[in-house]
Amino acid sequence: MILDLLSALMRGADKQRLTQFKPPSLVDVTATKNLLINFEHYQSYCALVDWEKVSRLHPLYLQVQSLSLQMLCLADKHNPFPLLGLVHISNHVWQSADADPHVSFSLRAELGELKAHAKGWVVDVIVNGDQQGKFVYRAVGKYLIRINAPHVARKKRKDQEQRQPFWENYQQVAQWRIPDNIGRKYAKVSHDYNPIHLSAISAKLFGFKKAIAHGMWSLAKCYSQLATDKQFSGDIQLACEFLKPILLPAEVVVLKDSEGEGDQFTLLNGDLSQPHIRGSF
């Protein structure tokens, strides 16, 4: 596995296949494992994302535990996209109220469709989880492959540029100061050692001025902040878009629209001008 991932990190995009008009076909890839949660590790995760209901499984913990499976699928040499350079743009998670952290999970990751996007192509990475033959978990992450394909939009539409902030009537819930070492702390727990998260020096190699926070850490902390007893009692559905990276260190603000349908929320920068995450649950 390690050699496969290292090889994938060195491999660039197959530009010939990715710059054609039609979506290039993907090779079916799946990866599986059985997981019995180590509660010492789980408690470390909970502490890092401020999750106080440790007896209730955080809906993003299985995403952490399935990361190696997801990477194996994305790293397959027969598919045209590079492992480095993929941009995580959204996540949709469903977790059953019956998911029991004390019972072994059977996890399966696979690639979904490759679809056109205004900036290139988007591939789905799907994770399903079962316990004792019962379906209890599903997550779909979308990853953007930036490339100048024939369908790629050249300019922003004017109506997008003039759009009113969607958070205009949201209410502030919390404000955080994120330290510059959060990427290294989260990497130790998640084993996501993408260099863009670890230090300013390593992030600059990939075009970032500073290290950026892990999107899944930011989303997990948002959910920990916003979830109520109502959410603890039933199935969980959590959806988000990752809009702007959080350059570390950072001041961020959590806002919530409690008047709309469902629970809409956003994570903004300190001066409330740029959204990092937009989500609902």
Protein backbone atom coordinates (compact mmCIF):
# COMPACT_ATOMS: atom_id res chain seq x y z
CA MET A 1 0.00 0.00 0.00
CA ILE A 2 2.72 2.51 0.94
CA LEU A 3 4.64 1.87 -2.30
CA ASP A 4 1.43 2.28 -4.32
CA LEU A 5 0.70 5.62 -2.66
CA LEU A 6 4.26 6.88 -3.13
CA SER A 7 4.09 5.94 -6.79
CA ALA A 8 0.76 7.74 -7.11
CA LEU A 9 2.17 10.88 -5.49
CA MET A 10 4.87 11.04 -8.16
CA ARG A 11 2.47 10.44 -11.04
CA GLY A 12 0.97 13.38 -12.90
CA ALA A 13 -2.36 13.64 -14.67
CA ASP A 14 -2.97 11.81 -17.93
CA LYS A 15 -3.61 15.03 -19.88
CA GLN A 16 -4.47 13.24 -23.11
CA ARG A 17 -7.42 11.49 -21.46
CA LEU A 18 -8.46 14.45 -19.30
CA THR A 19 -8.49 17.02 -22.10
CA GLN A 20 -10.89 15.12 -24.30
CA PHE A 21 -14.48 16.35 -24.57
CA LYS A 22 -16.16 13.23 -23.19
CA PRO A 23 -15.45 12.08 -19.61
CA PRO A 24 -12.67 9.46 -19.69
CA SER A 25 -13.77 6.05 -18.47
CA LEU A 26 -12.57 4.90 -15.05
CA VAL A 27 -11.40 1.47 -13.98
CA ASP A 28 -13.57 0.01 -11.21
CA VAL A 29 -11.60 0.12 -7.97
CA THR A 30 -12.75 -0.92 -4.51
CA ALA A 31 -11.01 -1.28 -1.15
CA THR A 32 -12.40 -2.85 2.02
CA LYS A 33 -11.52 -3.40 5.64
CA ASN A 34 -13.08 -4.49 8.92
CA LEU A 35 -12.85 -1.95 11.72
CA LEU A 36 -13.30 -2.33 15.46
CA ILE A 37 -12.93 1.15 16.91
CA ASN A 38 -9.99 1.76 19.22
CA PHE A 39 -11.52 4.00 21.88
CA GLU A 40 -8.24 5.61 22.85
CA HIS A 41 -7.87 6.79 19.26
CA TYR A 42 -11.54 7.78 19.07
CA GLN A 43 -11.23 9.88 22.23
CA SER A 44 -8.20 11.65 20.73
CA TYR A 45 -10.28 12.46 17.68
CA CYS A 46 -13.20 13.69 19.81
CA ALA A 47 -10.90 15.97 21.81
CA LEU A 48 -9.47 17.46 18.62
CA VAL A 49 -12.91 18.30 17.15
CA ASP A 50 -14.55 19.21 20.51
CA TRP A 51 -17.04 16.33 20.43
CA GLU A 52 -18.40 15.82 23.94
CA LYS A 53 -20.86 12.98 23.29
CA VAL A 54 -18.18 10.30 23.03
CA SER A 55 -20.71 7.49 23.45
CA ARG A 56 -22.38 8.71 20.22
CA LEU A 57 -20.30 8.14 17.09
CA HIS A 58 -19.26 11.38 15.44
CA PRO A 59 -20.56 11.22 11.83
CA LEU A 60 -17.14 12.03 10.36
CA TYR A 61 -15.04 9.55 12.34
CA LEU A 62 -15.60 6.73 9.85
CA GLN A 63 -14.36 9.10 7.14
CA VAL A 64 -11.08 9.32 9.05
CA GLN A 65 -10.93 5.56 9.41
CA SER A 66 -11.68 5.01 5.73
CA LEU A 67 -9.05 7.47 4.46
CA SER A 68 -6.56 4.75 3.54
CA LEU A 69 -9.28 2.98 1.52
CA GLN A 70 -10.16 6.19 -0.29
CA MET A 71 -6.52 6.85 -1.11
CA LEU A 72 -6.08 3.36 -2.53
CA CYS A 73 -9.00 3.97 -4.87
CA LEU A 74 -7.77 7.39 -5.95
CA ALA A 75 -4.18 6.19 -6.40
CA ASP A 76 -4.99 3.44 -8.89
CA LYS A 77 -2.52 3.78 -11.77
CA HIS A 78 -5.10 2.91 -14.43
CA ASN A 79 -7.13 6.06 -13.76
CA PRO A 80 -6.10 9.40 -15.30
CA PHE A 81 -6.03 11.84 -12.40
CA PRO A 82 -3.14 12.61 -10.05
CA LEU A 83 -3.36 11.99 -6.32
CA LEU A 84 -1.65 15.29 -5.50
CA GLY A 85 -3.60 18.25 -6.78
CA LEU A 86 -7.07 16.81 -6.20
CA VAL A 87 -9.31 19.40 -4.48
CA HIS A 88 -11.92 18.16 -2.01
CA ILE A 89 -14.97 20.30 -2.87
CA SER A 90 -17.89 18.66 -1.06
CA ASN A 91 -19.02 15.88 1.24
CA HIS A 92 -22.37 14.24 1.92
CA VAL A 93 -22.65 11.89 4.92
CA TRP A 94 -25.47 9.75 6.22
CA GLN A 95 -25.11 7.81 9.48
CA SER A 96 -27.79 5.60 10.98
CA ALA A 97 -28.92 6.12 14.55
CA ASP A 98 -28.19 2.41 14.98
CA ALA A 99 -24.44 2.81 14.25
CA ASP A 100 -22.78 1.33 17.35
CA PRO A 101 -19.17 2.35 18.07
CA HIS A 102 -18.71 -0.88 20.09
CA VAL A 103 -19.52 -3.20 17.15
CA SER A 104 -17.18 -3.98 14.26
CA PHE A 105 -17.78 -2.13 10.98
CA SER A 106 -17.28 -3.47 7.48
CA LEU A 107 -16.11 -0.51 5.37
CA ARG A 108 -15.97 -0.37 1.58
CA ALA A 109 -14.65 2.48 -0.58
CA GLU A 110 -15.11 2.80 -4.32
CA LEU A 111 -14.96 5.38 -7.08
CA GLY A 112 -18.19 6.77 -8.51
CA GLU A 113 -18.71 8.73 -11.67
CA LEU A 114 -16.35 11.21 -13.30
CA LYS A 115 -18.36 14.27 -14.33
CA ALA A 116 -17.67 17.56 -16.07
CA HIS A 117 -17.08 20.63 -13.88
CA ALA A 118 -16.57 24.30 -14.79
CA LYS A 119 -12.91 23.93 -13.75
CA GLY A 120 -12.17 20.41 -14.97
CA TRP A 121 -13.61 17.07 -13.82
CA VAL A 122 -15.10 15.83 -10.56
CA VAL A 123 -14.81 12.27 -9.29
CA ASP A 124 -16.91 10.77 -6.48
CA VAL A 125 -15.34 8.67 -3.74
CA ILE A 126 -18.00 6.61 -1.99
CA VAL A 127 -17.68 4.96 1.42
CA ASN A 128 -20.30 2.49 2.69
CA GLY A 129 -20.41 0.89 6.12
CA ASP A 130 -22.22 -2.15 7.50
CA GLN A 131 -22.56 -3.64 10.97
CA GLN A 132 -23.64 -7.25 11.31
CA GLY A 133 -25.13 -7.13 7.81
CA LYS A 134 -27.04 -3.87 8.40
CA PHE A 135 -26.31 -0.76 6.32
CA VAL A 136 -25.41 2.05 8.74
CA TYR A 137 -23.14 4.52 6.92
CA ARG A 138 -22.64 6.21 3.56
CA ALA A 139 -20.41 9.12 2.59
CA VAL A 140 -19.79 10.65 -0.83
CA GLY A 141 -16.84 12.98 -1.26
CA LYS A 142 -16.36 14.94 -4.48
CA TYR A 143 -12.83 15.70 -5.70
CA LEU A 144 -12.02 18.24 -8.40
CA ILE A 145 -9.31 17.63 -10.98
CA ARG A 146 -8.36 21.08 -12.30
CA ILE A 147 -7.46 20.92 -15.98
CA ASN A 148 -8.07 22.99 -19.10
CA ALA A 149 -10.47 20.62 -20.86
CA PRO A 150 -12.73 21.74 -23.76
CA HIS A 151 -15.78 22.23 -21.52
CA VAL A 152 -14.04 24.38 -18.89
CA ALA A 153 -15.56 27.83 -18.34
CA ARG A 154 -13.22 30.69 -19.14
CA LYS A 155 -14.92 33.51 -17.20
CA LYS A 156 -17.17 33.96 -14.19
CA ARG A 157 -20.77 34.78 -14.93
CA LYS A 158 -21.81 38.30 -13.92
CA ASP A 159 -24.73 37.08 -11.83
CA GLN A 160 -22.30 34.96 -9.77
CA GLU A 161 -20.05 37.95 -9.16
CA GLN A 162 -22.95 40.15 -8.00
CA ARG A 163 -24.73 37.57 -5.84
CA GLN A 164 -25.71 38.65 -2.31
CA PRO A 165 -24.02 36.84 0.59
CA PHE A 166 -26.09 33.78 1.43
CA TRP A 167 -25.27 34.25 5.11
CA GLU A 168 -26.73 37.75 5.30
CA ASN A 169 -29.46 36.76 7.82
CA TYR A 170 -27.52 34.06 9.68
CA GLN A 171 -26.81 34.33 13.40
CA GLN A 172 -23.35 33.99 14.89
CA VAL A 173 -22.88 30.87 17.01
CA ALA A 174 -19.16 30.75 17.80
CA GLN A 175 -15.77 32.26 17.00
CA TRP A 176 -12.52 30.27 16.95
CA ARG A 177 -8.85 31.04 16.85
CA ILE A 178 -7.20 28.24 14.87
CA PRO A 179 -3.48 27.76 15.63
CA ASP A 180 -0.91 27.18 12.92
CA ASN A 181 -0.14 23.66 14.20
CA ILE A 182 -3.68 22.27 13.89
CA GLY A 183 -2.77 20.57 10.61
CA ARG A 184 0.02 18.59 12.25
CA LYS A 185 -2.19 17.69 15.23
CA TYR A 186 -5.00 16.46 12.99
CA ALA A 187 -2.57 14.58 10.75
CA LYS A 188 -1.39 12.52 13.74
CA VAL A 189 -4.96 11.39 14.37
CA SER A 190 -6.26 11.12 10.80
CA HIS A 191 -3.01 10.01 9.13
CA ASP A 192 -3.73 12.60 6.44
CA TYR A 193 -0.20 13.93 5.96
CA ASN A 194 -0.89 15.98 2.86
CA PRO A 195 1.97 18.54 2.88
CA ILE A 196 -0.39 21.48 2.27
CA HIS A 197 -1.64 21.04 5.85
CA LEU A 198 1.64 20.57 7.71
CA SER A 199 3.66 23.78 7.44
CA ALA A 200 4.02 26.97 5.46
CA ILE A 201 7.21 25.64 3.87
CA SER A 202 5.62 22.44 2.56
CA ALA A 203 2.40 24.23 1.56
CA LYS A 204 4.33 26.73 -0.58
CA LEU A 205 5.59 23.86 -2.73
CA PHE A 206 1.98 23.41 -3.85
CA GLY A 207 1.06 27.05 -4.39
CA PHE A 208 -0.26 28.08 -0.97
CA LYS A 209 1.14 31.06 0.93
CA LYS A 210 0.61 29.27 4.26
CA ALA A 211 -0.46 25.87 5.52
CA ILE A 212 -4.21 25.29 5.30
CA ALA A 213 -6.51 23.56 7.76
CA HIS A 214 -7.91 20.13 6.88
CA GLY A 215 -11.42 20.57 5.54
CA MET A 216 -12.66 17.47 7.35
CA TRP A 217 -11.34 18.81 10.66
CA SER A 218 -13.11 22.14 10.09
CA LEU A 219 -16.36 20.40 9.14
CA ALA A 220 -16.17 18.02 12.10
CA LYS A 221 -15.64 20.90 14.51
CA CYS A 222 -18.58 22.79 12.98
CA TYR A 223 -20.84 19.78 13.50
CA SER A 224 -19.63 19.38 17.09
CA GLN A 225 -20.46 23.03 17.69
CA LEU A 226 -23.91 22.97 16.10
CA ALA A 227 -25.42 19.53 16.76
CA THR A 228 -28.17 19.43 19.38
CA ASP A 229 -29.82 16.64 21.36
CA LYS A 230 -32.35 16.36 18.51
CA GLN A 231 -29.59 15.32 16.12
CA PHE A 232 -28.17 12.83 18.63
CA SER A 233 -31.44 10.89 18.77
CA GLY A 234 -31.86 9.99 15.10
CA ASP A 235 -30.14 9.36 11.80
CA ILE A 236 -27.61 12.01 10.82
CA GLN A 237 -27.41 13.67 7.42
CA LEU A 238 -24.62 16.17 6.93
CA ALA A 239 -23.75 17.93 3.67
CA CYS A 240 -21.21 20.62 2.88
CA GLU A 241 -19.29 22.48 0.21
CA PHE A 242 -15.67 23.46 0.82
CA LEU A 243 -15.43 26.96 -0.64
CA LYS A 244 -12.21 28.67 0.46
CA PRO A 245 -9.17 27.19 2.23
CA ILE A 246 -8.38 28.35 5.76
CA LEU A 247 -4.85 29.77 5.81
CA LEU A 248 -3.23 29.16 9.20
CA PRO A 249 -3.29 30.65 11.76
CA ALA A 250 -6.80 32.02 11.39
CA GLU A 251 -9.81 33.61 13.04
CA VAL A 252 -13.08 32.04 11.89
CA VAL A 253 -16.74 32.48 12.76
CA VAL A 254 -19.57 29.92 12.72
CA LEU A 255 -23.02 31.17 11.69
CA LYS A 256 -26.32 29.32 11.53
CA ASP A 257 -29.67 29.95 9.87
CA SER A 258 -32.15 28.64 12.42
CA GLU A 259 -35.18 30.04 10.55
CA GLY A 260 -34.76 28.20 7.25
CA GLU A 261 -35.71 24.65 6.34
CA GLY A 262 -33.29 22.28 8.03
CA ASP A 263 -30.15 23.56 9.72
CA GLN A 264 -28.04 25.65 7.35
CA PHE A 265 -24.65 26.85 8.53
CA THR A 266 -21.46 28.44 7.32
CA LEU A 267 -17.89 28.92 8.49
CA LEU A 268 -16.55 32.37 7.57
CA ASN A 269 -13.29 34.22 7.94
CA GLY A 270 -12.88 36.64 10.85
CA ASP A 271 -14.24 39.71 9.07
CA LEU A 272 -17.28 37.80 7.71
CA SER A 273 -16.38 38.47 4.09
CA GLN A 274 -15.36 35.01 2.77
CA PRO A 275 -17.04 31.63 3.35
CA HIS A 276 -14.82 28.62 4.01
CA ILE A 277 -17.63 26.05 4.37
CA ARG A 278 -21.33 26.05 3.53
CA GLY A 279 -23.35 23.18 4.92
CA SER A 280 -26.58 21.72 6.27
CA PHE A 281 -27.66 18.90 8.56
